[in-house]
Amino acid sequence: MSKQYMLKEVDASSEAGDKIIVEQIYEKLPPIDVNINDFSWSPLFKVVITDKVIPLNDDLTFTHPRTGKVFRIGS
């Protein structure tokens, strides 16, 4: 069975200029052409920080669970 999700490292920064790297969760999309197994990956509104899944807000921001700082992921 092939994997349905993957983690991809993305940069995140706070308004204060702090920068961190987090992992964003991507979900495998069904192939456009069933004859070709060419899959696409779509980012979910969730990031992972030290084994904890954090939901993203609509503006791609999240609150760091340890520091309480608000970060925005880069696109």
Protein backbone atom coordinates (compact mmCIF):
# COMPACT_ATOMS: atom_id res chain seq x y z
CA MET A 1 0.00 0.00 0.00
CA SER A 2 1.39 3.38 -0.95
CA LYS A 3 1.56 6.21 1.49
CA GLN A 4 -1.27 8.75 1.51
CA TYR A 5 0.52 11.52 3.41
CA MET A 6 4.01 12.98 3.51
CA LEU A 7 5.82 15.61 5.54
CA LYS A 8 7.69 18.45 3.84
CA GLU A 9 9.94 20.93 5.61
CA VAL A 10 8.78 24.55 5.26
CA ASP A 11 10.09 27.81 6.67
CA ALA A 12 8.02 29.76 9.18
CA SER A 13 8.68 33.20 10.61
CA SER A 14 7.19 35.40 13.31
CA GLU A 15 6.56 39.14 13.11
CA ALA A 16 9.49 39.56 15.51
CA GLY A 17 11.78 38.01 12.90
CA ASP A 18 12.19 34.59 14.52
CA LYS A 19 12.57 31.83 11.94
CA ILE A 20 11.96 28.11 12.39
CA ILE A 21 11.54 25.08 10.17
CA VAL A 22 8.40 22.98 10.58
CA GLU A 23 6.97 20.07 8.64
CA GLN A 24 3.74 20.59 6.70
CA ILE A 25 1.48 17.61 6.03
CA TYR A 26 0.71 16.86 2.38
CA GLU A 27 -2.00 14.51 1.13
CA LYS A 28 -1.75 12.43 -2.02
CA LEU A 29 -4.35 13.32 -4.65
CA PRO A 30 -5.81 10.73 -7.02
CA PRO A 31 -4.13 10.61 -10.44
CA ILE A 32 -5.68 12.77 -13.13
CA ASP A 33 -5.17 10.01 -15.69
CA VAL A 34 -5.87 6.53 -14.32
CA ASN A 35 -3.57 5.02 -16.97
CA ILE A 36 -0.62 6.98 -15.61
CA ASN A 37 0.34 6.71 -11.95
CA ASP A 38 1.39 10.36 -11.73
CA PHE A 39 0.24 11.56 -8.33
CA SER A 40 0.09 15.11 -7.04
CA TRP A 41 0.43 16.21 -3.43
CA SER A 42 -1.76 18.87 -1.85
CA PRO A 43 -0.73 20.73 1.34
CA LEU A 44 -3.08 20.38 4.29
CA PHE A 45 -3.68 23.19 6.79
CA LYS A 46 -1.58 21.38 9.41
CA VAL A 47 2.05 21.44 10.50
CA VAL A 48 4.02 19.13 12.76
CA ILE A 49 6.30 20.35 15.56
CA THR A 50 8.09 17.69 17.62
CA ASP A 51 5.47 15.01 16.95
CA LYS A 52 2.52 17.33 17.63
CA VAL A 53 0.07 18.23 14.84
CA ILE A 54 -0.82 21.95 14.87
CA PRO A 55 -3.72 23.25 12.75
CA LEU A 56 -3.03 26.23 10.50
CA ASN A 57 -5.33 29.24 10.36
CA ASP A 58 -6.73 30.37 7.01
CA ASP A 59 -3.90 32.92 6.71
CA LEU A 60 -1.27 30.14 7.13
CA THR A 61 -0.42 31.14 10.71
CA PHE A 62 -0.12 28.98 13.82
CA THR A 63 0.77 29.48 17.47
CA HIS A 64 3.89 27.67 18.61
CA PRO A 65 2.82 25.36 21.47
CA ARG A 66 5.89 26.01 23.63
CA THR A 67 6.63 29.71 23.07
CA GLY A 68 3.14 31.03 22.31
CA LYS A 69 4.56 33.04 19.38
CA VAL A 70 2.54 33.30 16.18
CA PHE A 71 4.36 32.09 13.07
CA ARG A 72 3.42 32.20 9.38
CA ILE A 73 4.63 29.55 6.98
CA GLY A 74 6.21 30.61 3.70
CA SER A 75 4.61 29.54 0.47
